[in-house]
Amino acid sequence: MVDAQIVEVYVFLLAAFTGYQIITKVPPLLHTPLMAATNAISAISLVASLVIAGAERPFYINVMGAVAVAAATINVVGGFVITDRMLKMFKKTEAPK
């Protein structure tokens, strides 16, 4: 039982570190299109974190699940906000007559 929990914490920390390293290496020009493309993946991670937060597991795992829910929600909402701002940049404005 303890070994499985240690592996879960290890995978969580490794995923957080890897994600941070990948995102910081993306040039700013590509970040907005990539954010738009990864909103679906963020939604899937939100569903998975909801499952973890609501499962009957030890308290600290439920707390980590709640933190994951908060982080995934911020990621999804931020992705849609950034995508909306990006799309507004490409709208054609009418020239004044």
PDB file of N, CA and C in Angstrom:
ATOM      1  N   MET A   1       0.838  -1.203   0.000  1.00  0.00           N
ATOM      2  CA  MET A   1       0.000   0.000   0.000  1.00  0.00           C
ATOM      3  C   MET A   1       0.872   1.253   0.000  1.00  0.00           C
ATOM      4  N   VAL A   2       1.856   1.290   0.857  1.00  0.00           N
ATOM      5  CA  VAL A   2       2.718   2.473   0.943  1.00  0.00           C
ATOM      6  C   VAL A   2       3.542   2.628  -0.327  1.00  0.00           C
ATOM      7  N   ASP A   3       4.003   1.514  -0.881  1.00  0.00           N
ATOM      8  CA  ASP A   3       4.801   1.583  -2.105  1.00  0.00           C
ATOM      9  C   ASP A   3       4.017   2.212  -3.254  1.00  0.00           C
ATOM     10  N   ALA A   4       2.740   1.884  -3.374  1.00  0.00           N
ATOM     11  CA  ALA A   4       1.918   2.451  -4.441  1.00  0.00           C
ATOM     12  C   ALA A   4       1.733   3.951  -4.244  1.00  0.00           C
ATOM     13  N   GLN A   5       1.578   4.385  -3.015  1.00  0.00           N
ATOM     14  CA  GLN A   5       1.411   5.815  -2.749  1.00  0.00           C
ATOM     15  C   GLN A   5       2.690   6.579  -3.037  1.00  0.00           C
ATOM     16  N   ILE A   6       3.821   5.989  -2.722  1.00  0.00           N
ATOM     17  CA  ILE A   6       5.099   6.638  -3.023  1.00  0.00           C
ATOM     18  C   ILE A   6       5.272   6.765  -4.536  1.00  0.00           C
ATOM     19  N   VAL A   7       4.885   5.743  -5.283  1.00  0.00           N
ATOM     20  CA  VAL A   7       4.974   5.794  -6.740  1.00  0.00           C
ATOM     21  C   VAL A   7       4.048   6.877  -7.287  1.00  0.00           C
ATOM     22  N   GLU A   8       2.845   6.997  -6.732  1.00  0.00           N
ATOM     23  CA  GLU A   8       1.910   8.031  -7.197  1.00  0.00           C
ATOM     24  C   GLU A   8       2.463   9.427  -6.941  1.00  0.00           C
ATOM     25  N   VAL A   9       3.038   9.659  -5.777  1.00  0.00           N
ATOM     26  CA  VAL A   9       3.640  10.965  -5.478  1.00  0.00           C
ATOM     27  C   VAL A   9       4.824  11.216  -6.407  1.00  0.00           C
ATOM     28  N   TYR A  10       5.623  10.194  -6.646  1.00  0.00           N
ATOM     29  CA  TYR A  10       6.771  10.323  -7.547  1.00  0.00           C
ATOM     30  C   TYR A  10       6.324  10.681  -8.959  1.00  0.00           C
ATOM     31  N   VAL A  11       5.300  10.019  -9.465  1.00  0.00           N
ATOM     32  CA  VAL A  11       4.786  10.302 -10.810  1.00  0.00           C
ATOM     33  C   VAL A  11       4.234  11.720 -10.875  1.00  0.00           C
ATOM     34  N   PHE A  12       3.527  12.150  -9.831  1.00  0.00           N
ATOM     35  CA  PHE A  12       2.988  13.510  -9.792  1.00  0.00           C
ATOM     36  C   PHE A  12       4.106  14.544  -9.854  1.00  0.00           C
ATOM     37  N   LEU A  13       5.132  14.364  -9.035  1.00  0.00           N
ATOM     38  CA  LEU A  13       6.246  15.323  -9.027  1.00  0.00           C
ATOM     39  C   LEU A  13       7.017  15.303 -10.342  1.00  0.00           C
ATOM     40  N   LEU A  14       7.211  14.124 -10.898  1.00  0.00           N
ATOM     41  CA  LEU A  14       7.910  14.015 -12.180  1.00  0.00           C
ATOM     42  C   LEU A  14       7.117  14.680 -13.302  1.00  0.00           C
ATOM     43  N   ALA A  15       5.800  14.498 -13.299  1.00  0.00           N
ATOM     44  CA  ALA A  15       4.956  15.136 -14.314  1.00  0.00           C
ATOM     45  C   ALA A  15       4.974  16.650 -14.166  1.00  0.00           C
ATOM     46  N   ALA A  16       4.936  17.149 -12.926  1.00  0.00           N
ATOM     47  CA  ALA A  16       4.982  18.596 -12.705  1.00  0.00           C
ATOM     48  C   ALA A  16       6.315  19.173 -13.189  1.00  0.00           C
ATOM     49  N   PHE A  17       7.417  18.519 -12.874  1.00  0.00           N
ATOM     50  CA  PHE A  17       8.731  18.990 -13.299  1.00  0.00           C
ATOM     51  C   PHE A  17       8.870  18.955 -14.821  1.00  0.00           C
ATOM     52  N   THR A  18       8.449  17.859 -15.424  1.00  0.00           N
ATOM     53  CA  THR A  18       8.548  17.727 -16.883  1.00  0.00           C
ATOM     54  C   THR A  18       7.687  18.772 -17.589  1.00  0.00           C
ATOM     55  N   GLY A  19       6.468  18.964 -17.115  1.00  0.00           N
ATOM     56  CA  GLY A  19       5.596  19.978 -17.713  1.00  0.00           C
ATOM     57  C   GLY A  19       6.190  21.374 -17.618  1.00  0.00           C
ATOM     58  N   TYR A  20       6.757  21.700 -16.466  1.00  0.00           N
ATOM     59  CA  TYR A  20       7.381  23.017 -16.294  1.00  0.00           C
ATOM     60  C   TYR A  20       8.549  23.186 -17.261  1.00  0.00           C
ATOM     61  N   GLN A  21       9.387  22.162 -17.372  1.00  0.00           N
ATOM     62  CA  GLN A  21      10.538  22.249 -18.266  1.00  0.00           C
ATOM     63  C   GLN A  21      10.110  22.390 -19.727  1.00  0.00           C
ATOM     64  N   ILE A  22       9.075  21.698 -20.129  1.00  0.00           N
ATOM     65  CA  ILE A  22       8.615  21.771 -21.518  1.00  0.00           C
ATOM     66  C   ILE A  22       8.020  23.138 -21.828  1.00  0.00           C
ATOM     67  N   ILE A  23       7.180  23.645 -20.947  1.00  0.00           N
ATOM     68  CA  ILE A  23       6.508  24.923 -21.200  1.00  0.00           C
ATOM     69  C   ILE A  23       7.492  26.082 -21.206  1.00  0.00           C
ATOM     70  N   THR A  24       8.498  26.050 -20.343  1.00  0.00           N
ATOM     71  CA  THR A  24       9.452  27.166 -20.311  1.00  0.00           C
ATOM     72  C   THR A  24      10.352  27.189 -21.539  1.00  0.00           C
ATOM     73  N   LYS A  25      10.453  26.084 -22.263  1.00  0.00           N
ATOM     74  CA  LYS A  25      11.302  26.031 -23.460  1.00  0.00           C
ATOM     75  C   LYS A  25      10.560  26.455 -24.737  1.00  0.00           C
ATOM     76  N   VAL A  26       9.253  26.661 -24.649  1.00  0.00           N
ATOM     77  CA  VAL A  26       8.468  27.034 -25.826  1.00  0.00           C
ATOM     78  C   VAL A  26       8.633  28.536 -26.073  1.00  0.00           C
ATOM     79  N   PRO A  27       8.973  28.937 -27.306  1.00  0.00           N
ATOM     80  CA  PRO A  27       9.096  30.370 -27.604  1.00  0.00           C
ATOM     81  C   PRO A  27       7.740  31.072 -27.453  1.00  0.00           C
ATOM     82  N   PRO A  28       7.753  32.348 -27.072  1.00  0.00           N
ATOM     83  CA  PRO A  28       6.492  33.075 -26.873  1.00  0.00           C
ATOM     84  C   PRO A  28       5.594  33.095 -28.103  1.00  0.00           C
ATOM     85  N   LEU A  29       6.173  33.084 -29.304  1.00  0.00           N
ATOM     86  CA  LEU A  29       5.360  33.087 -30.522  1.00  0.00           C
ATOM     87  C   LEU A  29       4.500  31.843 -30.656  1.00  0.00           C
ATOM     88  N   LEU A  30       5.003  30.721 -30.173  1.00  0.00           N
ATOM     89  CA  LEU A  30       4.270  29.465 -30.312  1.00  0.00           C
ATOM     90  C   LEU A  30       3.400  29.150 -29.106  1.00  0.00           C
ATOM     91  N   HIS A  31       3.566  29.885 -28.024  1.00  0.00           N
ATOM     92  CA  HIS A  31       2.861  29.520 -26.797  1.00  0.00           C
ATOM     93  C   HIS A  31       1.346  29.629 -26.938  1.00  0.00           C
ATOM     94  N   THR A  32       0.859  30.685 -27.585  1.00  0.00           N
ATOM     95  CA  THR A  32      -0.590  30.867 -27.697  1.00  0.00           C
ATOM     96  C   THR A  32      -1.242  29.790 -28.568  1.00  0.00           C
ATOM     97  N   PRO A  33      -0.711  29.467 -29.746  1.00  0.00           N
ATOM     98  CA  PRO A  33      -1.332  28.372 -30.509  1.00  0.00           C
ATOM     99  C   PRO A  33      -1.248  27.032 -29.784  1.00  0.00           C
ATOM    100  N   LEU A  34      -0.148  26.789 -29.077  1.00  0.00           N
ATOM    101  CA  LEU A  34      -0.055  25.539 -28.330  1.00  0.00           C
ATOM    102  C   LEU A  34      -1.061  25.507 -27.186  1.00  0.00           C
ATOM    103  N   MET A  35      -1.287  26.642 -26.552  1.00  0.00           N
ATOM    104  CA  MET A  35      -2.271  26.702 -25.470  1.00  0.00           C
ATOM    105  C   MET A  35      -3.661  26.403 -26.019  1.00  0.00           C
ATOM    106  N   ALA A  36      -3.951  26.915 -27.190  1.00  0.00           N
ATOM    107  CA  ALA A  36      -5.256  26.660 -27.794  1.00  0.00           C
ATOM    108  C   ALA A  36      -5.420  25.181 -28.125  1.00  0.00           C
ATOM    109  N   ALA A  37      -4.354  24.548 -28.557  1.00  0.00           N
ATOM    110  CA  ALA A  37      -4.439  23.138 -28.946  1.00  0.00           C
ATOM    111  C   ALA A  37      -4.484  22.202 -27.750  1.00  0.00           C
ATOM    112  N   THR A  38      -3.998  22.639 -26.604  1.00  0.00           N
ATOM    113  CA  THR A  38      -3.941  21.748 -25.449  1.00  0.00           C
ATOM    114  C   THR A  38      -5.086  21.948 -24.469  1.00  0.00           C
ATOM    115  N   ASN A  39      -6.098  22.738 -24.817  1.00  0.00           N
ATOM    116  CA  ASN A  39      -7.241  22.902 -23.914  1.00  0.00           C
ATOM    117  C   ASN A  39      -7.962  21.573 -23.691  1.00  0.00           C
ATOM    118  N   ALA A  40      -8.044  20.743 -24.689  1.00  0.00           N
ATOM    119  CA  ALA A  40      -8.709  19.440 -24.531  1.00  0.00           C
ATOM    120  C   ALA A  40      -7.920  18.550 -23.582  1.00  0.00           C
ATOM    121  N   ILE A  41      -6.609  18.563 -23.694  1.00  0.00           N
ATOM    122  CA  ILE A  41      -5.781  17.767 -22.787  1.00  0.00           C
ATOM    123  C   ILE A  41      -5.930  18.282 -21.358  1.00  0.00           C
ATOM    124  N   SER A  42      -5.996  19.584 -21.198  1.00  0.00           N
ATOM    125  CA  SER A  42      -6.193  20.151 -19.871  1.00  0.00           C
ATOM    126  C   SER A  42      -7.540  19.747 -19.289  1.00  0.00           C
ATOM    127  N   ALA A  43      -8.552  19.674 -20.119  1.00  0.00           N
ATOM    128  CA  ALA A  43      -9.868  19.241 -19.641  1.00  0.00           C
ATOM    129  C   ALA A  43      -9.824  17.786 -19.204  1.00  0.00           C
ATOM    130  N   ILE A  44      -9.083  16.955 -19.916  1.00  0.00           N
ATOM    131  CA  ILE A  44      -8.949  15.551 -19.517  1.00  0.00           C
ATOM    132  C   ILE A  44      -8.226  15.454 -18.182  1.00  0.00           C
ATOM    133  N   SER A  45      -7.183  16.256 -17.987  1.00  0.00           N
ATOM    134  CA  SER A  45      -6.479  16.229 -16.702  1.00  0.00           C
ATOM    135  C   SER A  45      -7.362  16.759 -15.584  1.00  0.00           C
ATOM    136  N   LEU A  46      -8.270  17.670 -15.900  1.00  0.00           N
ATOM    137  CA  LEU A  46      -9.218  18.152 -14.893  1.00  0.00           C
ATOM    138  C   LEU A  46     -10.153  17.033 -14.460  1.00  0.00           C
ATOM    139  N   VAL A  47     -10.646  16.252 -15.406  1.00  0.00           N
ATOM    140  CA  VAL A  47     -11.518  15.122 -15.066  1.00  0.00           C
ATOM    141  C   VAL A  47     -10.758  14.096 -14.224  1.00  0.00           C
ATOM    142  N   ALA A  48      -9.524  13.803 -14.610  1.00  0.00           N
ATOM    143  CA  ALA A  48      -8.723  12.838 -13.846  1.00  0.00           C
ATOM    144  C   ALA A  48      -8.452  13.334 -12.438  1.00  0.00           C
ATOM    145  N   SER A  49      -8.174  14.611 -12.284  1.00  0.00           N
ATOM    146  CA  SER A  49      -7.911  15.138 -10.937  1.00  0.00           C
ATOM    147  C   SER A  49      -9.184  15.153 -10.095  1.00  0.00           C
ATOM    148  N   LEU A  50     -10.339  15.334 -10.725  1.00  0.00           N
ATOM    149  CA  LEU A  50     -11.604  15.225  -9.983  1.00  0.00           C
ATOM    150  C   LEU A  50     -11.812  13.807  -9.463  1.00  0.00           C
ATOM    151  N   VAL A  51     -11.465  12.829 -10.280  1.00  0.00           N
ATOM    152  CA  VAL A  51     -11.588  11.437  -9.849  1.00  0.00           C
ATOM    153  C   VAL A  51     -10.662  11.164  -8.668  1.00  0.00           C
ATOM    154  N   ILE A  52      -9.439  11.645  -8.739  1.00  0.00           N
ATOM    155  CA  ILE A  52      -8.484  11.423  -7.650  1.00  0.00           C
ATOM    156  C   ILE A  52      -8.926  12.138  -6.384  1.00  0.00           C
ATOM    157  N   ALA A  53      -9.408  13.365  -6.523  1.00  0.00           N
ATOM    158  CA  ALA A  53      -9.825  14.131  -5.346  1.00  0.00           C
ATOM    159  C   ALA A  53     -11.037  13.514  -4.667  1.00  0.00           C
ATOM    160  N   GLY A  54     -11.900  12.851  -5.422  1.00  0.00           N
ATOM    161  CA  GLY A  54     -13.116  12.293  -4.851  1.00  0.00           C
ATOM    162  C   GLY A  54     -13.012  10.835  -4.443  1.00  0.00           C
ATOM    163  N   ALA A  55     -11.876  10.197  -4.706  1.00  0.00           N
ATOM    164  CA  ALA A  55     -11.735   8.774  -4.391  1.00  0.00           C
ATOM    165  C   ALA A  55     -11.511   8.575  -2.891  1.00  0.00           C
ATOM    166  N   GLU A  56     -11.814   7.379  -2.447  1.00  0.00           N
ATOM    167  CA  GLU A  56     -11.567   7.053  -1.043  1.00  0.00           C
ATOM    168  C   GLU A  56     -10.112   6.637  -0.902  1.00  0.00           C
ATOM    169  N   ARG A  57      -9.291   7.606  -0.612  1.00  0.00           N
ATOM    170  CA  ARG A  57      -7.858   7.400  -0.426  1.00  0.00           C
ATOM    171  C   ARG A  57      -7.441   8.160   0.817  1.00  0.00           C
ATOM    172  N   PRO A  58      -6.196   8.037   1.208  1.00  0.00           N
ATOM    173  CA  PRO A  58      -5.738   8.807   2.381  1.00  0.00           C
ATOM    174  C   PRO A  58      -5.916  10.312   2.159  1.00  0.00           C
ATOM    175  N   PHE A  59      -5.975  11.030   3.264  1.00  0.00           N
ATOM    176  CA  PHE A  59      -6.291  12.460   3.233  1.00  0.00           C
ATOM    177  C   PHE A  59      -5.323  13.253   2.364  1.00  0.00           C
ATOM    178  N   TYR A  60      -4.030  12.973   2.473  1.00  0.00           N
ATOM    179  CA  TYR A  60      -3.065  13.773   1.721  1.00  0.00           C
ATOM    180  C   TYR A  60      -3.218  13.571   0.216  1.00  0.00           C
ATOM    181  N   ILE A  61      -3.659  12.412  -0.216  1.00  0.00           N
ATOM    182  CA  ILE A  61      -3.894  12.197  -1.645  1.00  0.00           C
ATOM    183  C   ILE A  61      -5.114  12.988  -2.102  1.00  0.00           C
ATOM    184  N   ASN A  62      -6.134  13.051  -1.262  1.00  0.00           N
ATOM    185  CA  ASN A  62      -7.300  13.874  -1.592  1.00  0.00           C
ATOM    186  C   ASN A  62      -6.927  15.350  -1.662  1.00  0.00           C
ATOM    187  N   VAL A  63      -6.027  15.783  -0.776  1.00  0.00           N
ATOM    188  CA  VAL A  63      -5.564  17.175  -0.809  1.00  0.00           C
ATOM    189  C   VAL A  63      -4.788  17.432  -2.098  1.00  0.00           C
ATOM    190  N   MET A  64      -3.912  16.496  -2.465  1.00  0.00           N
ATOM    191  CA  MET A  64      -3.173  16.657  -3.726  1.00  0.00           C
ATOM    192  C   MET A  64      -4.123  16.650  -4.915  1.00  0.00           C
ATOM    193  N   GLY A  65      -5.185  15.855  -4.848  1.00  0.00           N
ATOM    194  CA  GLY A  65      -6.191  15.853  -5.906  1.00  0.00           C
ATOM    195  C   GLY A  65      -6.910  17.180  -5.995  1.00  0.00           C
ATOM    196  N   ALA A  66      -7.204  17.789  -4.827  1.00  0.00           N
ATOM    197  CA  ALA A  66      -7.857  19.101  -4.824  1.00  0.00           C
ATOM    198  C   ALA A  66      -6.934  20.171  -5.403  1.00  0.00           C
ATOM    199  N   VAL A  67      -5.655  20.087  -5.092  1.00  0.00           N
ATOM    200  CA  VAL A  67      -4.686  21.030  -5.676  1.00  0.00           C
ATOM    201  C   VAL A  67      -4.618  20.822  -7.188  1.00  0.00           C
ATOM    202  N   ALA A  68      -4.659  19.566  -7.621  1.00  0.00           N
ATOM    203  CA  ALA A  68      -4.639  19.278  -9.059  1.00  0.00           C
ATOM    204  C   ALA A  68      -5.896  19.805  -9.743  1.00  0.00           C
ATOM    205  N   VAL A  69      -7.041  19.722  -9.062  1.00  0.00           N
ATOM    206  CA  VAL A  69      -8.284  20.274  -9.622  1.00  0.00           C
ATOM    207  C   VAL A  69      -8.136  21.781  -9.808  1.00  0.00           C
ATOM    208  N   ALA A  70      -7.602  22.462  -8.789  1.00  0.00           N
ATOM    209  CA  ALA A  70      -7.426  23.916  -8.883  1.00  0.00           C
ATOM    210  C   ALA A  70      -6.461  24.275 -10.019  1.00  0.00           C
ATOM    211  N   ALA A  71      -5.340  23.563 -10.100  1.00  0.00           N
ATOM    212  CA  ALA A  71      -4.354  23.864 -11.139  1.00  0.00           C
ATOM    213  C   ALA A  71      -4.904  23.578 -12.537  1.00  0.00           C
ATOM    214  N   ALA A  72      -5.602  22.475 -12.702  1.00  0.00           N
ATOM    215  CA  ALA A  72      -6.163  22.145 -14.013  1.00  0.00           C
ATOM    216  C   ALA A  72      -7.259  23.126 -14.416  1.00  0.00           C
ATOM    217  N   THR A  73      -8.053  23.577 -13.438  1.00  0.00           N
ATOM    218  CA  THR A  73      -9.099  24.558 -13.739  1.00  0.00           C
ATOM    219  C   THR A  73      -8.483  25.872 -14.190  1.00  0.00           C
ATOM    220  N   ILE A  74      -7.456  26.315 -13.489  1.00  0.00           N
ATOM    221  CA  ILE A  74      -6.764  27.552 -13.891  1.00  0.00           C
ATOM    222  C   ILE A  74      -6.182  27.400 -15.286  1.00  0.00           C
ATOM    223  N   ASN A  75      -5.630  26.225 -15.568  1.00  0.00           N
ATOM    224  CA  ASN A  75      -5.034  25.978 -16.885  1.00  0.00           C
ATOM    225  C   ASN A  75      -6.085  26.015 -17.991  1.00  0.00           C
ATOM    226  N   VAL A  76      -7.227  25.393 -17.760  1.00  0.00           N
ATOM    227  CA  VAL A  76      -8.285  25.366 -18.782  1.00  0.00           C
ATOM    228  C   VAL A  76      -8.842  26.766 -19.016  1.00  0.00           C
ATOM    229  N   VAL A  77      -9.166  27.465 -17.932  1.00  0.00           N
ATOM    230  CA  VAL A  77      -9.734  28.813 -18.066  1.00  0.00           C
ATOM    231  C   VAL A  77      -8.714  29.754 -18.714  1.00  0.00           C
ATOM    232  N   GLY A  78      -7.478  29.684 -18.265  1.00  0.00           N
ATOM    233  CA  GLY A  78      -6.437  30.521 -18.854  1.00  0.00           C
ATOM    234  C   GLY A  78      -6.229  30.230 -20.324  1.00  0.00           C
ATOM    235  N   GLY A  79      -6.312  28.964 -20.697  1.00  0.00           N
ATOM    236  CA  GLY A  79      -6.167  28.602 -22.111  1.00  0.00           C
ATOM    237  C   GLY A  79      -7.256  29.207 -22.966  1.00  0.00           C
ATOM    238  N   PHE A  80      -8.492  29.167 -22.470  1.00  0.00           N
ATOM    239  CA  PHE A  80      -9.580  29.754 -23.247  1.00  0.00           C
ATOM    240  C   PHE A  80      -9.478  31.277 -23.294  1.00  0.00           C
ATOM    241  N   VAL A  81      -9.033  31.904 -22.221  1.00  0.00           N
ATOM    242  CA  VAL A  81      -8.870  33.368 -22.211  1.00  0.00           C
ATOM    243  C   VAL A  81      -7.789  33.773 -23.205  1.00  0.00           C
ATOM    244  N   ILE A  82      -6.675  33.063 -23.188  1.00  0.00           N
ATOM    245  CA  ILE A  82      -5.579  33.384 -24.113  1.00  0.00           C
ATOM    246  C   ILE A  82      -6.008  33.146 -25.558  1.00  0.00           C
ATOM    247  N   THR A  83      -6.723  32.055 -25.796  1.00  0.00           N
ATOM    248  CA  THR A  83      -7.209  31.778 -27.151  1.00  0.00           C
ATOM    249  C   THR A  83      -8.150  32.871 -27.625  1.00  0.00           C
ATOM    250  N   ASP A  84      -9.031  33.318 -26.745  1.00  0.00           N
ATOM    251  CA  ASP A  84      -9.956  34.396 -27.106  1.00  0.00           C
ATOM    252  C   ASP A  84      -9.196  35.673 -27.439  1.00  0.00           C
ATOM    253  N   ARG A  85      -8.195  36.005 -26.641  1.00  0.00           N
ATOM    254  CA  ARG A  85      -7.388  37.204 -26.925  1.00  0.00           C
ATOM    255  C   ARG A  85      -6.642  37.064 -28.244  1.00  0.00           C
ATOM    256  N   MET A  86      -6.138  35.866 -28.513  1.00  0.00           N
ATOM    257  CA  MET A  86      -5.417  35.646 -29.763  1.00  0.00           C
ATOM    258  C   MET A  86      -6.353  35.821 -30.955  1.00  0.00           C
ATOM    259  N   LEU A  87      -7.559  35.270 -30.862  1.00  0.00           N
ATOM    260  CA  LEU A  87      -8.500  35.385 -31.969  1.00  0.00           C
ATOM    261  C   LEU A  87      -8.948  36.832 -32.181  1.00  0.00           C
ATOM    262  N   LYS A  88      -9.053  37.613 -31.106  1.00  0.00           N
ATOM    263  CA  LYS A  88      -9.411  39.022 -31.243  1.00  0.00           C
ATOM    264  C   LYS A  88      -8.310  39.810 -31.948  1.00  0.00           C
ATOM    265  N   MET A  89      -7.063  39.373 -31.808  1.00  0.00           N
ATOM    266  CA  MET A  89      -5.957  40.062 -32.481  1.00  0.00           C
ATOM    267  C   MET A  89      -6.059  39.924 -33.994  1.00  0.00           C
ATOM    268  N   PHE A  90      -6.642  38.835 -34.479  1.00  0.00           N
ATOM    269  CA  PHE A  90      -6.699  38.583 -35.902  1.00  0.00           C
ATOM    270  C   PHE A  90      -7.991  39.045 -36.553  1.00  0.00           C
ATOM    271  N   LYS A  91      -8.897  39.630 -35.790  1.00  0.00           N
ATOM    272  CA  LYS A  91     -10.123  40.159 -36.379  1.00  0.00           C
ATOM    273  C   LYS A  91      -9.806  41.400 -37.190  1.00  0.00           C
ATOM    274  N   LYS A  92     -10.447  41.495 -38.325  1.00  0.00           N
ATOM    275  CA  LYS A  92     -10.247  42.669 -39.167  1.00  0.00           C
ATOM    276  C   LYS A  92     -11.099  43.819 -38.606  1.00  0.00           C
ATOM    277  N   THR A  93     -10.457  44.936 -38.476  1.00  0.00           N
ATOM    278  CA  THR A  93     -11.196  46.136 -38.024  1.00  0.00           C
ATOM    279  C   THR A  93     -11.494  46.982 -39.251  1.00  0.00           C
ATOM    280  N   GLU A  94     -12.674  47.554 -39.267  1.00  0.00           N
ATOM    281  CA  GLU A  94     -13.048  48.409 -40.380  1.00  0.00           C
ATOM    282  C   GLU A  94     -12.352  49.753 -40.259  1.00  0.00           C
ATOM    283  N   ALA A  95     -11.846  50.222 -41.375  1.00  0.00           N
ATOM    284  CA  ALA A  95     -11.189  51.528 -41.391  1.00  0.00           C
ATOM    285  C   ALA A  95     -12.246  52.619 -41.257  1.00  0.00           C
ATOM    286  N   PRO A  96     -11.930  53.682 -40.515  1.00  0.00           N
ATOM    287  CA  PRO A  96     -12.912  54.775 -40.396  1.00  0.00           C
ATOM    288  C   PRO A  96     -13.127  55.449 -41.751  1.00  0.00           C
ATOM    289  N   LYS A  97     -14.382  55.814 -42.019  1.00  0.00           N
ATOM    290  CA  LYS A  97     -14.722  56.418 -43.320  1.00  0.00           C
ATOM    291  C   LYS A  97     -14.587  57.919 -43.274  1.00  0.00           C
TER     292      LYS A  97
END
